[in-house]
Structures are given as structure tokens and as C-alpha cells.
Amino acid sequence: MDLSERFGGRVRKARKALNVSQEELASISGLNRSHMGEIERGQTSPTLITIDRIAKALNCSIAELMDDNLSH
């Protein structure tokens, strides 16, 4: 599994833990829902600005979304 897939999986896991829909997370993050889906599936590599927006929307740090050893 590559970095984009691991990152996307962690975003999905954190989103579900908060009981937030993909559409809601996209809206809070200022992203298009289809782009959020691509991120969660690991089909695209988000920019640092996008990663920061997602982390803030999930109320976590960028490190939590990037580190395999940290959990949300």
C-alpha cells in the first residue's frame, strides 16, 4: 500500500470515528465531495494545504493523519 492509500485510509477511519459523512467532511474542508472520495481511496495525493484543511475538519493534527503509529 502506498502513502496516498495509507493516508486516505486514515482519513476515512477518522471521519467514520466522528460519524461524519464524506460529503460533510468535504464541505467542512472546503473540498469537492468527489475529490474527497479520491483522497480516501488513495487515488490522488493531496497538497499540504488540503491535508491541513482535512486535519482541522477532523479536529486532529497533520501528524495524526500521516503517522501509521498514531491513532485518532
C-alpha atoms as a PDB file:
ATOM      1  CA  MET A   1       0.000   0.000   0.000  1.00  0.00           C
ATOM      2  CA  ASP A   2       1.487   3.362  -0.965  1.00  0.00           C
ATOM      3  CA  LEU A   3       1.489   6.590   1.043  1.00  0.00           C
ATOM      4  CA  SER A   4      -1.628   8.005  -0.645  1.00  0.00           C
ATOM      5  CA  GLU A   5      -3.602   4.851   0.130  1.00  0.00           C
ATOM      6  CA  ARG A   6      -2.456   4.802   3.755  1.00  0.00           C
ATOM      7  CA  PHE A   7      -3.272   8.493   4.183  1.00  0.00           C
ATOM      8  CA  GLY A   8      -6.699   8.052   2.609  1.00  0.00           C
ATOM      9  CA  GLY A   9      -7.443   5.098   4.858  1.00  0.00           C
ATOM     10  CA  ARG A  10      -6.567   7.125   7.941  1.00  0.00           C
ATOM     11  CA  VAL A  11      -8.792   9.994   6.775  1.00  0.00           C
ATOM     12  CA  ARG A  12     -11.681   7.563   6.250  1.00  0.00           C
ATOM     13  CA  LYS A  13     -11.118   5.953   9.658  1.00  0.00           C
ATOM     14  CA  ALA A  14     -11.025   9.328  11.440  1.00  0.00           C
ATOM     15  CA  ARG A  15     -14.107  10.536   9.554  1.00  0.00           C
ATOM     16  CA  LYS A  16     -16.095   7.445  10.460  1.00  0.00           C
ATOM     17  CA  ALA A  17     -14.977   7.683  14.096  1.00  0.00           C
ATOM     18  CA  LEU A  18     -16.581  11.128  14.167  1.00  0.00           C
ATOM     19  CA  ASN A  19     -19.697   9.794  12.419  1.00  0.00           C
ATOM     20  CA  VAL A  20     -19.323  12.352   9.635  1.00  0.00           C
ATOM     21  CA  SER A  21     -20.296  11.644   6.046  1.00  0.00           C
ATOM     22  CA  GLN A  22     -17.792  12.080   3.245  1.00  0.00           C
ATOM     23  CA  GLU A  23     -19.928  14.905   1.889  1.00  0.00           C
ATOM     24  CA  GLU A  24     -19.951  16.677   5.274  1.00  0.00           C
ATOM     25  CA  LEU A  25     -16.178  16.345   5.639  1.00  0.00           C
ATOM     26  CA  ALA A  26     -15.659  17.669   2.129  1.00  0.00           C
ATOM     27  CA  SER A  27     -17.893  20.654   2.849  1.00  0.00           C
ATOM     28  CA  ILE A  28     -16.194  21.457   6.168  1.00  0.00           C
ATOM     29  CA  SER A  29     -12.793  21.124   4.478  1.00  0.00           C
ATOM     30  CA  GLY A  30     -13.802  23.313   1.540  1.00  0.00           C
ATOM     31  CA  LEU A  31     -13.329  20.465  -0.923  1.00  0.00           C
ATOM     32  CA  ASN A  32     -15.457  18.848  -3.595  1.00  0.00           C
ATOM     33  CA  ARG A  33     -17.009  15.548  -2.429  1.00  0.00           C
ATOM     34  CA  SER A  34     -15.615  13.645  -5.402  1.00  0.00           C
ATOM     35  CA  HIS A  35     -12.112  14.940  -4.620  1.00  0.00           C
ATOM     36  CA  MET A  36     -12.534  13.797  -1.003  1.00  0.00           C
ATOM     37  CA  GLY A  37     -13.506  10.360  -2.308  1.00  0.00           C
ATOM     38  CA  GLU A  38     -10.376  10.222  -4.455  1.00  0.00           C
ATOM     39  CA  ILE A  39      -8.271  11.158  -1.426  1.00  0.00           C
ATOM     40  CA  GLU A  40      -9.889   8.476   0.752  1.00  0.00           C
ATOM     41  CA  ARG A  41      -9.352   5.843  -1.948  1.00  0.00           C
ATOM     42  CA  GLY A  42      -5.710   6.874  -2.365  1.00  0.00           C
ATOM     43  CA  GLN A  43      -6.243   7.844  -5.990  1.00  0.00           C
ATOM     44  CA  THR A  44      -4.750  11.307  -5.555  1.00  0.00           C
ATOM     45  CA  SER A  45      -2.103  12.896  -3.384  1.00  0.00           C
ATOM     46  CA  PRO A  46      -3.471  15.975  -1.637  1.00  0.00           C
ATOM     47  CA  THR A  47      -1.436  19.148  -1.221  1.00  0.00           C
ATOM     48  CA  LEU A  48      -0.206  20.215   2.198  1.00  0.00           C
ATOM     49  CA  ILE A  49      -2.903  22.897   2.269  1.00  0.00           C
ATOM     50  CA  THR A  50      -5.565  20.245   1.626  1.00  0.00           C
ATOM     51  CA  ILE A  51      -4.084  17.948   4.276  1.00  0.00           C
ATOM     52  CA  ASP A  52      -4.188  20.834   6.751  1.00  0.00           C
ATOM     53  CA  ARG A  53      -7.836  21.575   5.905  1.00  0.00           C
ATOM     54  CA  ILE A  54      -8.788  17.919   6.370  1.00  0.00           C
ATOM     55  CA  ALA A  55      -6.911  17.671   9.675  1.00  0.00           C
ATOM     56  CA  LYS A  56      -8.642  20.787  11.012  1.00  0.00           C
ATOM     57  CA  ALA A  57     -12.041  19.480   9.885  1.00  0.00           C
ATOM     58  CA  LEU A  58     -11.317  16.192  11.681  1.00  0.00           C
ATOM     59  CA  ASN A  59     -10.066  18.064  14.751  1.00  0.00           C
ATOM     60  CA  CYS A  60      -6.696  16.330  14.659  1.00  0.00           C
ATOM     61  CA  SER A  61      -3.130  17.137  13.732  1.00  0.00           C
ATOM     62  CA  ILE A  62      -1.465  16.559  10.401  1.00  0.00           C
ATOM     63  CA  ALA A  63       0.886  14.184  12.218  1.00  0.00           C
ATOM     64  CA  GLU A  64      -2.050  12.008  13.272  1.00  0.00           C
ATOM     65  CA  LEU A  65      -3.112  11.681   9.642  1.00  0.00           C
ATOM     66  CA  MET A  66       0.414  10.964   8.406  1.00  0.00           C
ATOM     67  CA  ASP A  67       1.822   8.586  11.026  1.00  0.00           C
ATOM     68  CA  ASP A  68       0.928   4.890  10.849  1.00  0.00           C
ATOM     69  CA  ASN A  69       1.703   4.570  14.571  1.00  0.00           C
ATOM     70  CA  LEU A  70      -0.651   7.299  15.771  1.00  0.00           C
ATOM     71  CA  SER A  71      -4.363   6.759  16.110  1.00  0.00           C
ATOM     72  CA  HIS A  72      -7.171   9.290  16.121  1.00  0.00           C
END
